[in-house]
mmCIF file of all heavy atoms, coordinates in Angstrom:
data_MODEL
# 
_entry.id   MODEL 
# 
loop_
_atom_site.group_PDB 
_atom_site.id 
_atom_site.type_symbol 
_atom_site.label_atom_id 
_atom_site.label_alt_id 
_atom_site.label_comp_id 
_atom_site.label_asym_id 
_atom_site.label_entity_id 
_atom_site.label_seq_id 
_atom_site.pdbx_PDB_ins_code 
_atom_site.Cartn_x 
_atom_site.Cartn_y 
_atom_site.Cartn_z 
_atom_site.occupancy 
_atom_site.B_iso_or_equiv 
_atom_site.pdbx_formal_charge 
_atom_site.auth_seq_id 
_atom_site.auth_comp_id 
_atom_site.auth_asym_id 
_atom_site.auth_atom_id 
_atom_site.pdbx_PDB_model_num 
ATOM 1   N N   . ARG A 1 1  ? 50.299 143.659 143.729 1.00 0.00 ? 1  ARG A N   1 
ATOM 2   C CA  . ARG A 1 1  ? 50.364 143.294 142.314 1.00 0.00 ? 1  ARG A CA  1 
ATOM 3   C C   . ARG A 1 1  ? 51.805 143.356 141.801 1.00 0.00 ? 1  ARG A C   1 
ATOM 4   O O   . ARG A 1 1  ? 52.239 142.498 141.027 1.00 0.00 ? 1  ARG A O   1 
ATOM 5   C CB  . ARG A 1 1  ? 49.464 144.218 141.492 1.00 0.00 ? 1  ARG A CB  1 
ATOM 6   C CG  . ARG A 1 1  ? 47.968 143.926 141.653 1.00 0.00 ? 1  ARG A CG  1 
ATOM 7   C CD  . ARG A 1 1  ? 47.114 144.958 140.923 1.00 0.00 ? 1  ARG A CD  1 
ATOM 8   N NE  . ARG A 1 1  ? 45.701 144.660 141.014 1.00 0.00 ? 1  ARG A NE  1 
ATOM 9   C CZ  . ARG A 1 1  ? 45.027 143.871 140.186 1.00 0.00 ? 1  ARG A CZ  1 
ATOM 10  N NH1 . ARG A 1 1  ? 45.663 143.299 139.167 1.00 0.00 ? 1  ARG A NH1 1 
ATOM 11  N NH2 . ARG A 1 1  ? 43.746 143.643 140.343 1.00 0.00 ? 1  ARG A NH2 1 
ATOM 12  N N   . GLY A 1 2  ? 52.551 144.366 142.223 1.00 0.00 ? 2  GLY A N   1 
ATOM 13  C CA  . GLY A 1 2  ? 53.957 144.440 141.851 1.00 0.00 ? 2  GLY A CA  1 
ATOM 14  C C   . GLY A 1 2  ? 54.749 143.275 142.412 1.00 0.00 ? 2  GLY A C   1 
ATOM 15  O O   . GLY A 1 2  ? 55.592 142.684 141.732 1.00 0.00 ? 2  GLY A O   1 
ATOM 16  N N   . ALA A 1 3  ? 54.469 142.926 143.660 1.00 0.00 ? 3  ALA A N   1 
ATOM 17  C CA  . ALA A 1 3  ? 55.158 141.815 144.307 1.00 0.00 ? 3  ALA A CA  1 
ATOM 18  C C   . ALA A 1 3  ? 54.866 140.497 143.595 1.00 0.00 ? 3  ALA A C   1 
ATOM 19  O O   . ALA A 1 3  ? 55.775 139.682 143.364 1.00 0.00 ? 3  ALA A O   1 
ATOM 20  C CB  . ALA A 1 3  ? 54.736 141.731 145.776 1.00 0.00 ? 3  ALA A CB  1 
ATOM 21  N N   . GLN A 1 4  ? 53.599 140.277 143.240 1.00 0.00 ? 4  GLN A N   1 
ATOM 22  C CA  . GLN A 1 4  ? 53.224 139.041 142.557 1.00 0.00 ? 4  GLN A CA  1 
ATOM 23  C C   . GLN A 1 4  ? 53.920 138.928 141.203 1.00 0.00 ? 4  GLN A C   1 
ATOM 24  O O   . GLN A 1 4  ? 54.398 137.855 140.820 1.00 0.00 ? 4  GLN A O   1 
ATOM 25  C CB  . GLN A 1 4  ? 51.706 138.986 142.367 1.00 0.00 ? 4  GLN A CB  1 
ATOM 26  C CG  . GLN A 1 4  ? 51.190 137.700 141.731 1.00 0.00 ? 4  GLN A CG  1 
ATOM 27  C CD  . GLN A 1 4  ? 51.498 136.475 142.571 1.00 0.00 ? 4  GLN A CD  1 
ATOM 28  O OE1 . GLN A 1 4  ? 51.144 136.422 143.744 1.00 0.00 ? 4  GLN A OE1 1 
ATOM 29  N NE2 . GLN A 1 4  ? 52.161 135.497 141.979 1.00 0.00 ? 4  GLN A NE2 1 
ATOM 30  N N   . SER A 1 5  ? 54.001 140.036 140.492 1.00 0.00 ? 5  SER A N   1 
ATOM 31  C CA  . SER A 1 5  ? 54.663 140.033 139.185 1.00 0.00 ? 5  SER A CA  1 
ATOM 32  C C   . SER A 1 5  ? 56.151 139.734 139.327 1.00 0.00 ? 5  SER A C   1 
ATOM 33  O O   . SER A 1 5  ? 56.727 139.009 138.501 1.00 0.00 ? 5  SER A O   1 
ATOM 34  C CB  . SER A 1 5  ? 54.458 141.376 138.487 1.00 0.00 ? 5  SER A CB  1 
ATOM 35  O OG  . SER A 1 5  ? 53.087 141.625 138.261 1.00 0.00 ? 5  SER A OG  1 
ATOM 36  N N   . ALA A 1 6  ? 56.778 140.287 140.361 1.00 0.00 ? 6  ALA A N   1 
ATOM 37  C CA  . ALA A 1 6  ? 58.199 140.002 140.596 1.00 0.00 ? 6  ALA A CA  1 
ATOM 38  C C   . ALA A 1 6  ? 58.409 138.522 140.878 1.00 0.00 ? 6  ALA A C   1 
ATOM 39  O O   . ALA A 1 6  ? 59.362 137.906 140.389 1.00 0.00 ? 6  ALA A O   1 
ATOM 40  C CB  . ALA A 1 6  ? 58.712 140.842 141.763 1.00 0.00 ? 6  ALA A CB  1 
ATOM 41  N N   . SER A 1 7  ? 57.512 137.938 141.664 1.00 0.00 ? 7  SER A N   1 
ATOM 42  C CA  . SER A 1 7  ? 57.601 136.520 141.975 1.00 0.00 ? 7  SER A CA  1 
ATOM 43  C C   . SER A 1 7  ? 57.502 135.672 140.707 1.00 0.00 ? 7  SER A C   1 
ATOM 44  O O   . SER A 1 7  ? 58.299 134.735 140.495 1.00 0.00 ? 7  SER A O   1 
ATOM 45  C CB  . SER A 1 7  ? 56.492 136.128 142.958 1.00 0.00 ? 7  SER A CB  1 
ATOM 46  O OG  . SER A 1 7  ? 56.454 134.735 143.159 1.00 0.00 ? 7  SER A OG  1 
ATOM 47  N N   . GLU A 1 8  ? 56.548 135.998 139.853 1.00 0.00 ? 8  GLU A N   1 
ATOM 48  C CA  . GLU A 1 8  ? 56.374 135.251 138.611 1.00 0.00 ? 8  GLU A CA  1 
ATOM 49  C C   . GLU A 1 8  ? 57.599 135.376 137.709 1.00 0.00 ? 8  GLU A C   1 
ATOM 50  O O   . GLU A 1 8  ? 58.023 134.402 137.073 1.00 0.00 ? 8  GLU A O   1 
ATOM 51  C CB  . GLU A 1 8  ? 55.118 135.748 137.890 1.00 0.00 ? 8  GLU A CB  1 
ATOM 52  C CG  . GLU A 1 8  ? 53.828 135.441 138.644 1.00 0.00 ? 8  GLU A CG  1 
ATOM 53  C CD  . GLU A 1 8  ? 52.630 136.184 138.095 1.00 0.00 ? 8  GLU A CD  1 
ATOM 54  O OE1 . GLU A 1 8  ? 52.809 136.978 137.139 1.00 0.00 ? 8  GLU A OE1 1 
ATOM 55  O OE2 . GLU A 1 8  ? 51.510 136.001 138.615 1.00 0.00 ? 8  GLU A OE2 1 
ATOM 56  N N   . PHE A 1 9  ? 58.176 136.570 137.676 1.00 0.00 ? 9  PHE A N   1 
ATOM 57  C CA  . PHE A 1 9  ? 59.357 136.771 136.838 1.00 0.00 ? 9  PHE A CA  1 
ATOM 58  C C   . PHE A 1 9  ? 60.551 135.968 137.348 1.00 0.00 ? 9  PHE A C   1 
ATOM 59  O O   . PHE A 1 9  ? 61.239 135.283 136.578 1.00 0.00 ? 9  PHE A O   1 
ATOM 60  C CB  . PHE A 1 9  ? 59.716 138.254 136.781 1.00 0.00 ? 9  PHE A CB  1 
ATOM 61  C CG  . PHE A 1 9  ? 61.059 138.522 136.164 1.00 0.00 ? 9  PHE A CG  1 
ATOM 62  C CD1 . PHE A 1 9  ? 61.246 138.417 134.799 1.00 0.00 ? 9  PHE A CD1 1 
ATOM 63  C CD2 . PHE A 1 9  ? 62.156 138.844 136.962 1.00 0.00 ? 9  PHE A CD2 1 
ATOM 64  C CE1 . PHE A 1 9  ? 62.492 138.634 134.226 1.00 0.00 ? 9  PHE A CE1 1 
ATOM 65  C CE2 . PHE A 1 9  ? 63.399 139.064 136.398 1.00 0.00 ? 9  PHE A CE2 1 
ATOM 66  C CZ  . PHE A 1 9  ? 63.571 138.961 135.025 1.00 0.00 ? 9  PHE A CZ  1 
ATOM 67  N N   . LEU A 1 10 ? 60.815 136.023 138.648 1.00 0.00 ? 10 LEU A N   1 
ATOM 68  C CA  . LEU A 1 10 ? 61.979 135.343 139.203 1.00 0.00 ? 10 LEU A CA  1 
ATOM 69  C C   . LEU A 1 10 ? 61.884 133.829 139.034 1.00 0.00 ? 10 LEU A C   1 
ATOM 70  O O   . LEU A 1 10 ? 62.913 133.154 138.882 1.00 0.00 ? 10 LEU A O   1 
ATOM 71  C CB  . LEU A 1 10 ? 62.139 135.701 140.689 1.00 0.00 ? 10 LEU A CB  1 
ATOM 72  C CG  . LEU A 1 10 ? 62.531 137.150 140.993 1.00 0.00 ? 10 LEU A CG  1 
ATOM 73  C CD1 . LEU A 1 10 ? 62.647 137.358 142.496 1.00 0.00 ? 10 LEU A CD1 1 
ATOM 74  C CD2 . LEU A 1 10 ? 63.831 137.534 140.305 1.00 0.00 ? 10 LEU A CD2 1 
ATOM 75  N N   . LYS A 1 11 ? 60.680 133.304 139.058 1.00 0.00 ? 11 LYS A N   1 
ATOM 76  C CA  . LYS A 1 11 ? 60.508 131.858 138.890 1.00 0.00 ? 11 LYS A CA  1 
ATOM 77  C C   . LYS A 1 11 ? 60.908 131.402 137.489 1.00 0.00 ? 11 LYS A C   1 
ATOM 78  O O   . LYS A 1 11 ? 61.343 130.258 137.301 1.00 0.00 ? 11 LYS A O   1 
ATOM 79  C CB  . LYS A 1 11 ? 59.057 131.467 139.167 1.00 0.00 ? 11 LYS A CB  1 
ATOM 80  C CG  . LYS A 1 11 ? 58.651 131.521 140.636 1.00 0.00 ? 11 LYS A CG  1 
ATOM 81  C CD  . LYS A 1 11 ? 57.179 131.186 140.798 1.00 0.00 ? 11 LYS A CD  1 
ATOM 82  C CE  . LYS A 1 11 ? 56.753 131.271 142.255 1.00 0.00 ? 11 LYS A CE  1 
ATOM 83  N NZ  . LYS A 1 11 ? 55.302 130.999 142.435 1.00 0.00 ? 11 LYS A NZ  1 
ATOM 84  N N   . THR A 1 12 ? 60.744 132.269 136.516 1.00 0.00 ? 12 THR A N   1 
ATOM 85  C CA  . THR A 1 12 ? 61.013 131.870 135.130 1.00 0.00 ? 12 THR A CA  1 
ATOM 86  C C   . THR A 1 12 ? 62.378 132.322 134.624 1.00 0.00 ? 12 THR A C   1 
ATOM 87  O O   . THR A 1 12 ? 62.876 131.776 133.635 1.00 0.00 ? 12 THR A O   1 
ATOM 88  C CB  . THR A 1 12 ? 59.931 132.428 134.187 1.00 0.00 ? 12 THR A CB  1 
ATOM 89  O OG1 . THR A 1 12 ? 59.929 133.869 134.269 1.00 0.00 ? 12 THR A OG1 1 
ATOM 90  C CG2 . THR A 1 12 ? 58.547 131.909 134.588 1.00 0.00 ? 12 THR A CG2 1 
ATOM 91  N N   . PHE A 1 13 ? 63.001 133.295 135.281 1.00 0.00 ? 13 PHE A N   1 
ATOM 92  C CA  . PHE A 1 13 ? 64.274 133.807 134.787 1.00 0.00 ? 13 PHE A CA  1 
ATOM 93  C C   . PHE A 1 13 ? 65.371 132.764 134.933 1.00 0.00 ? 13 PHE A C   1 
ATOM 94  O O   . PHE A 1 13 ? 65.528 132.141 135.980 1.00 0.00 ? 13 PHE A O   1 
ATOM 95  C CB  . PHE A 1 13 ? 64.672 135.083 135.529 1.00 0.00 ? 13 PHE A CB  1 
ATOM 96  C CG  . PHE A 1 13 ? 66.006 135.634 135.086 1.00 0.00 ? 13 PHE A CG  1 
ATOM 97  C CD1 . PHE A 1 13 ? 66.155 136.191 133.827 1.00 0.00 ? 13 PHE A CD1 1 
ATOM 98  C CD2 . PHE A 1 13 ? 67.116 135.561 135.916 1.00 0.00 ? 13 PHE A CD2 1 
ATOM 99  C CE1 . PHE A 1 13 ? 67.384 136.688 133.403 1.00 0.00 ? 13 PHE A CE1 1 
ATOM 100 C CE2 . PHE A 1 13 ? 68.344 136.053 135.510 1.00 0.00 ? 13 PHE A CE2 1 
ATOM 101 C CZ  . PHE A 1 13 ? 68.475 136.612 134.244 1.00 0.00 ? 13 PHE A CZ  1 
ATOM 102 N N   . ASN A 1 14 ? 66.154 132.587 133.861 1.00 0.00 ? 14 ASN A N   1 
ATOM 103 C CA  . ASN A 1 14 ? 67.242 131.621 133.848 1.00 0.00 ? 14 ASN A CA  1 
ATOM 104 C C   . ASN A 1 14 ? 68.520 132.327 133.414 1.00 0.00 ? 14 ASN A C   1 
ATOM 105 O O   . ASN A 1 14 ? 68.715 132.616 132.231 1.00 0.00 ? 14 ASN A O   1 
ATOM 106 C CB  . ASN A 1 14 ? 66.902 130.464 132.886 1.00 0.00 ? 14 ASN A CB  1 
ATOM 107 C CG  . ASN A 1 14 ? 67.903 129.336 132.947 1.00 0.00 ? 14 ASN A CG  1 
ATOM 108 O OD1 . ASN A 1 14 ? 69.116 129.550 132.999 1.00 0.00 ? 14 ASN A OD1 1 
ATOM 109 N ND2 . ASN A 1 14 ? 67.406 128.105 132.927 1.00 0.00 ? 14 ASN A ND2 1 
ATOM 110 N N   . TRP A 1 15 ? 69.378 132.620 134.362 1.00 0.00 ? 15 TRP A N   1 
ATOM 111 C CA  . TRP A 1 15 ? 70.588 133.393 134.099 1.00 0.00 ? 15 TRP A CA  1 
ATOM 112 C C   . TRP A 1 15 ? 71.537 132.669 133.147 1.00 0.00 ? 15 TRP A C   1 
ATOM 113 O O   . TRP A 1 15 ? 72.066 133.265 132.208 1.00 0.00 ? 15 TRP A O   1 
ATOM 114 C CB  . TRP A 1 15 ? 71.269 133.722 135.420 1.00 0.00 ? 15 TRP A CB  1 
ATOM 115 C CG  . TRP A 1 15 ? 72.614 134.379 135.352 1.00 0.00 ? 15 TRP A CG  1 
ATOM 116 C CD1 . TRP A 1 15 ? 73.738 134.020 136.026 1.00 0.00 ? 15 TRP A CD1 1 
ATOM 117 C CD2 . TRP A 1 15 ? 72.998 135.549 134.602 1.00 0.00 ? 15 TRP A CD2 1 
ATOM 118 N NE1 . TRP A 1 15 ? 74.786 134.868 135.749 1.00 0.00 ? 15 TRP A NE1 1 
ATOM 119 C CE2 . TRP A 1 15 ? 74.349 135.822 134.871 1.00 0.00 ? 15 TRP A CE2 1 
ATOM 120 C CE3 . TRP A 1 15 ? 72.311 136.387 133.718 1.00 0.00 ? 15 TRP A CE3 1 
ATOM 121 C CZ2 . TRP A 1 15 ? 75.047 136.881 134.295 1.00 0.00 ? 15 TRP A CZ2 1 
ATOM 122 C CZ3 . TRP A 1 15 ? 73.007 137.457 133.147 1.00 0.00 ? 15 TRP A CZ3 1 
ATOM 123 C CH2 . TRP A 1 15 ? 74.347 137.694 133.428 1.00 0.00 ? 15 TRP A CH2 1 
ATOM 124 N N   . GLU A 1 16 ? 71.748 131.389 133.365 1.00 0.00 ? 16 GLU A N   1 
ATOM 125 C CA  . GLU A 1 16 ? 72.677 130.652 132.510 1.00 0.00 ? 16 GLU A CA  1 
ATOM 126 C C   . GLU A 1 16 ? 72.156 130.580 131.072 1.00 0.00 ? 16 GLU A C   1 
ATOM 127 O O   . GLU A 1 16 ? 72.926 130.705 130.112 1.00 0.00 ? 16 GLU A O   1 
ATOM 128 C CB  . GLU A 1 16 ? 72.908 129.247 133.069 1.00 0.00 ? 16 GLU A CB  1 
ATOM 129 C CG  . GLU A 1 16 ? 73.671 129.221 134.384 1.00 0.00 ? 16 GLU A CG  1 
ATOM 130 C CD  . GLU A 1 16 ? 75.049 129.866 134.276 1.00 0.00 ? 16 GLU A CD  1 
ATOM 131 O OE1 . GLU A 1 16 ? 75.688 129.693 133.214 1.00 0.00 ? 16 GLU A OE1 1 
ATOM 132 O OE2 . GLU A 1 16 ? 75.480 130.523 135.238 1.00 0.00 ? 16 GLU A OE2 1 
ATOM 133 N N   . LYS A 1 17 ? 70.860 130.386 130.922 1.00 0.00 ? 17 LYS A N   1 
ATOM 134 C CA  . LYS A 1 17 ? 70.271 130.350 129.580 1.00 0.00 ? 17 LYS A CA  1 
ATOM 135 C C   . LYS A 1 17 ? 70.411 131.705 128.898 1.00 0.00 ? 17 LYS A C   1 
ATOM 136 O O   . LYS A 1 17 ? 70.742 131.787 127.704 1.00 0.00 ? 17 LYS A O   1 
ATOM 137 C CB  . LYS A 1 17 ? 68.797 129.977 129.674 1.00 0.00 ? 17 LYS A CB  1 
ATOM 138 C CG  . LYS A 1 17 ? 68.070 129.965 128.341 1.00 0.00 ? 17 LYS A CG  1 
ATOM 139 C CD  . LYS A 1 17 ? 66.590 129.614 128.528 1.00 0.00 ? 17 LYS A CD  1 
ATOM 140 C CE  . LYS A 1 17 ? 65.833 129.694 127.201 1.00 0.00 ? 17 LYS A CE  1 
ATOM 141 N NZ  . LYS A 1 17 ? 64.391 129.381 127.374 1.00 0.00 ? 17 LYS A NZ  1 
ATOM 142 N N   . TYR A 1 18 ? 70.205 132.774 129.662 1.00 0.00 ? 18 TYR A N   1 
ATOM 143 C CA  . TYR A 1 18 ? 70.317 134.108 129.075 1.00 0.00 ? 18 TYR A CA  1 
ATOM 144 C C   . TYR A 1 18 ? 71.752 134.395 128.635 1.00 0.00 ? 18 TYR A C   1 
ATOM 145 O O   . TYR A 1 18 ? 71.978 134.991 127.578 1.00 0.00 ? 18 TYR A O   1 
ATOM 146 C CB  . TYR A 1 18 ? 69.841 135.175 130.059 1.00 0.00 ? 18 TYR A CB  1 
ATOM 147 C CG  . TYR A 1 18 ? 69.938 136.566 129.483 1.00 0.00 ? 18 TYR A CG  1 
ATOM 148 C CD1 . TYR A 1 18 ? 69.102 136.969 128.451 1.00 0.00 ? 18 TYR A CD1 1 
ATOM 149 C CD2 . TYR A 1 18 ? 70.907 137.463 129.930 1.00 0.00 ? 18 TYR A CD2 1 
ATOM 150 C CE1 . TYR A 1 18 ? 69.208 138.229 127.888 1.00 0.00 ? 18 TYR A CE1 1 
ATOM 151 C CE2 . TYR A 1 18 ? 71.011 138.730 129.379 1.00 0.00 ? 18 TYR A CE2 1 
ATOM 152 C CZ  . TYR A 1 18 ? 70.160 139.099 128.355 1.00 0.00 ? 18 TYR A CZ  1 
ATOM 153 O OH  . TYR A 1 18 ? 70.276 140.345 127.790 1.00 0.00 ? 18 TYR A OH  1 
ATOM 154 N N   . LYS A 1 19 ? 72.732 133.967 129.414 1.00 0.00 ? 19 LYS A N   1 
ATOM 155 C CA  . LYS A 1 19 ? 74.125 134.193 129.019 1.00 0.00 ? 19 LYS A CA  1 
ATOM 156 C C   . LYS A 1 19 ? 74.453 133.468 127.710 1.00 0.00 ? 19 LYS A C   1 
ATOM 157 O O   . LYS A 1 19 ? 75.209 133.989 126.880 1.00 0.00 ? 19 LYS A O   1 
ATOM 158 C CB  . LYS A 1 19 ? 75.070 133.734 130.137 1.00 0.00 ? 19 LYS A CB  1 
ATOM 159 C CG  . LYS A 1 19 ? 75.128 134.673 131.316 1.00 0.00 ? 19 LYS A CG  1 
ATOM 160 C CD  . LYS A 1 19 ? 76.330 134.407 132.206 1.00 0.00 ? 19 LYS A CD  1 
ATOM 161 C CE  . LYS A 1 19 ? 76.232 133.072 132.900 1.00 0.00 ? 19 LYS A CE  1 
ATOM 162 N NZ  . LYS A 1 19 ? 77.387 132.851 133.811 1.00 0.00 ? 19 LYS A NZ  1 
ATOM 163 N N   . LYS A 1 20 ? 73.880 132.302 127.512 1.00 0.00 ? 20 LYS A N   1 
ATOM 164 C CA  . LYS A 1 20 ? 74.111 131.577 126.253 1.00 0.00 ? 20 LYS A CA  1 
ATOM 165 C C   . LYS A 1 20 ? 73.507 132.337 125.075 1.00 0.00 ? 20 LYS A C   1 
ATOM 166 O O   . LYS A 1 20 ? 74.102 132.393 123.991 1.00 0.00 ? 20 LYS A O   1 
ATOM 167 C CB  . LYS A 1 20 ? 73.521 130.176 126.357 1.00 0.00 ? 20 LYS A CB  1 
ATOM 168 C CG  . LYS A 1 20 ? 74.266 129.267 127.319 1.00 0.00 ? 20 LYS A CG  1 
ATOM 169 C CD  . LYS A 1 20 ? 73.606 127.904 127.421 1.00 0.00 ? 20 LYS A CD  1 
ATOM 170 C CE  . LYS A 1 20 ? 74.356 127.016 128.417 1.00 0.00 ? 20 LYS A CE  1 
ATOM 171 N NZ  . LYS A 1 20 ? 73.693 125.688 128.583 1.00 0.00 ? 20 LYS A NZ  1 
ATOM 172 N N   . ILE A 1 21 ? 72.335 132.931 125.294 1.00 0.00 ? 21 ILE A N   1 
ATOM 173 C CA  . ILE A 1 21 ? 71.714 133.748 124.243 1.00 0.00 ? 21 ILE A CA  1 
ATOM 174 C C   . ILE A 1 21 ? 72.613 134.931 123.900 1.00 0.00 ? 21 ILE A C   1 
ATOM 175 O O   . ILE A 1 21 ? 72.834 135.253 122.726 1.00 0.00 ? 21 ILE A O   1 
ATOM 176 C CB  . ILE A 1 21 ? 70.324 134.237 124.691 1.00 0.00 ? 21 ILE A CB  1 
ATOM 177 C CG1 . ILE A 1 21 ? 69.362 133.057 124.833 1.00 0.00 ? 21 ILE A CG1 1 
ATOM 178 C CG2 . ILE A 1 21 ? 69.763 135.267 123.712 1.00 0.00 ? 21 ILE A CG2 1 
ATOM 179 C CD1 . ILE A 1 21 ? 68.020 133.432 125.439 1.00 0.00 ? 21 ILE A CD1 1 
ATOM 180 N N   . ARG A 1 22 ? 73.172 135.567 124.929 1.00 0.00 ? 22 ARG A N   1 
ATOM 181 C CA  . ARG A 1 22 ? 74.033 136.727 124.702 1.00 0.00 ? 22 ARG A CA  1 
ATOM 182 C C   . ARG A 1 22 ? 75.360 136.322 124.065 1.00 0.00 ? 22 ARG A C   1 
ATOM 183 O O   . ARG A 1 22 ? 75.968 137.113 123.329 1.00 0.00 ? 22 ARG A O   1 
ATOM 184 C CB  . ARG A 1 22 ? 74.271 137.468 126.020 1.00 0.00 ? 22 ARG A CB  1 
ATOM 185 C CG  . ARG A 1 22 ? 73.045 138.208 126.536 1.00 0.00 ? 22 ARG A CG  1 
ATOM 186 C CD  . ARG A 1 22 ? 72.552 139.274 125.562 1.00 0.00 ? 22 ARG A CD  1 
ATOM 187 N NE  . ARG A 1 22 ? 73.555 140.291 125.332 1.00 0.00 ? 22 ARG A NE  1 
ATOM 188 C CZ  . ARG A 1 22 ? 73.666 141.398 126.056 1.00 0.00 ? 22 ARG A CZ  1 
ATOM 189 N NH1 . ARG A 1 22 ? 72.806 141.639 127.034 1.00 0.00 ? 22 ARG A NH1 1 
ATOM 190 N NH2 . ARG A 1 22 ? 74.601 142.278 125.782 1.00 0.00 ? 22 ARG A NH2 1 
ATOM 191 N N   . GLU A 1 23 ? 75.829 135.117 124.336 1.00 0.00 ? 23 GLU A N   1 
ATOM 192 C CA  . GLU A 1 23 ? 77.055 134.634 123.706 1.00 0.00 ? 23 GLU A CA  1 
ATOM 193 C C   . GLU A 1 23 ? 76.867 134.520 122.203 1.00 0.00 ? 23 GLU A C   1 
ATOM 194 O O   . GLU A 1 23 ? 77.741 134.910 121.413 1.00 0.00 ? 23 GLU A O   1 
ATOM 195 C CB  . GLU A 1 23 ? 77.452 133.287 124.295 1.00 0.00 ? 23 GLU A CB  1 
ATOM 196 C CG  . GLU A 1 23 ? 78.796 132.783 123.839 1.00 0.00 ? 23 GLU A CG  1 
ATOM 197 C CD  . GLU A 1 23 ? 79.957 133.632 124.327 1.00 0.00 ? 23 GLU A CD  1 
ATOM 198 O OE1 . GLU A 1 23 ? 80.012 133.933 125.534 1.00 0.00 ? 23 GLU A OE1 1 
ATOM 199 O OE2 . GLU A 1 23 ? 80.797 134.004 123.476 1.00 0.00 ? 23 GLU A OE2 1 
ATOM 200 N N   . VAL A 1 24 ? 75.724 133.996 121.796 1.00 0.00 ? 24 VAL A N   1 
ATOM 201 C CA  . VAL A 1 24 ? 75.403 133.894 120.365 1.00 0.00 ? 24 VAL A CA  1 
ATOM 202 C C   . VAL A 1 24 ? 75.316 135.286 119.753 1.00 0.00 ? 24 VAL A C   1 
ATOM 203 O O   . VAL A 1 24 ? 75.847 135.546 118.658 1.00 0.00 ? 24 VAL A O   1 
ATOM 204 C CB  . VAL A 1 24 ? 74.082 133.124 120.154 1.00 0.00 ? 24 VAL A CB  1 
ATOM 205 C CG1 . VAL A 1 24 ? 73.657 133.187 118.693 1.00 0.00 ? 24 VAL A CG1 1 
ATOM 206 C CG2 . VAL A 1 24 ? 74.231 131.686 120.618 1.00 0.00 ? 24 VAL A CG2 1 
ATOM 207 N N   . LYS A 1 25 ? 74.661 136.204 120.461 1.00 0.00 ? 25 LYS A N   1 
ATOM 208 C CA  . LYS A 1 25 ? 74.511 137.573 119.969 1.00 0.00 ? 25 LYS A CA  1 
ATOM 209 C C   . LYS A 1 25 ? 75.880 138.252 119.845 1.00 0.00 ? 25 LYS A C   1 
ATOM 210 O O   . LYS A 1 25 ? 76.138 138.984 118.879 1.00 0.00 ? 25 LYS A O   1 
ATOM 211 C CB  . LYS A 1 25 ? 73.612 138.358 120.916 1.00 0.00 ? 25 LYS A CB  1 
ATOM 212 C CG  . LYS A 1 25 ? 73.186 139.714 120.390 1.00 0.00 ? 25 LYS A CG  1 
ATOM 213 C CD  . LYS A 1 25 ? 72.177 140.350 121.340 1.00 0.00 ? 25 LYS A CD  1 
ATOM 214 C CE  . LYS A 1 25 ? 71.641 141.651 120.775 1.00 0.00 ? 25 LYS A CE  1 
ATOM 215 N NZ  . LYS A 1 25 ? 70.625 142.271 121.666 1.00 0.00 ? 25 LYS A NZ  1 
ATOM 216 N N   . LYS A 1 26 ? 76.748 137.994 120.796 1.00 0.00 ? 26 LYS A N   1 
ATOM 217 C CA  . LYS A 1 26 ? 78.091 138.572 120.762 1.00 0.00 ? 26 LYS A CA  1 
ATOM 218 C C   . LYS A 1 26 ? 78.828 138.136 119.499 1.00 0.00 ? 26 LYS A C   1 
ATOM 219 O O   . LYS A 1 26 ? 79.514 138.937 118.844 1.00 0.00 ? 26 LYS A O   1 
ATOM 220 C CB  . LYS A 1 26 ? 78.863 138.135 122.001 1.00 0.00 ? 26 LYS A CB  1 
ATOM 221 C CG  . LYS A 1 26 ? 80.332 138.541 122.009 1.00 0.00 ? 26 LYS A CG  1 
ATOM 222 C CD  . LYS A 1 26 ? 81.055 137.925 123.191 1.00 0.00 ? 26 LYS A CD  1 
ATOM 223 C CE  . LYS A 1 26 ? 82.550 138.163 123.105 1.00 0.00 ? 26 LYS A CE  1 
ATOM 224 N NZ  . LYS A 1 26 ? 83.270 137.475 124.204 1.00 0.00 ? 26 LYS A NZ  1 
ATOM 225 N N   . GLU A 1 27 ? 78.720 136.859 119.155 1.00 0.00 ? 27 GLU A N   1 
ATOM 226 C CA  . GLU A 1 27 ? 79.386 136.346 117.954 1.00 0.00 ? 27 GLU A CA  1 
ATOM 227 C C   . GLU A 1 27 ? 78.850 137.023 116.694 1.00 0.00 ? 27 GLU A C   1 
ATOM 228 O O   . GLU A 1 27 ? 79.603 137.301 115.757 1.00 0.00 ? 27 GLU A O   1 
ATOM 229 C CB  . GLU A 1 27 ? 79.191 134.832 117.860 1.00 0.00 ? 27 GLU A CB  1 
ATOM 230 C CG  . GLU A 1 27 ? 79.863 134.044 118.974 1.00 0.00 ? 27 GLU A CG  1 
ATOM 231 C CD  . GLU A 1 27 ? 81.367 134.240 118.987 1.00 0.00 ? 27 GLU A CD  1 
ATOM 232 O OE1 . GLU A 1 27 ? 81.964 134.292 117.888 1.00 0.00 ? 27 GLU A OE1 1 
ATOM 233 O OE2 . GLU A 1 27 ? 81.947 134.366 120.084 1.00 0.00 ? 27 GLU A OE2 1 
# 
């Protein structure tokens, strides 16, 4: 169950999109 959840998370995680969110937050 832990492995399946990790798989689902990695499929949806978008590093570049998250950095853009943090750039806005930084401002």
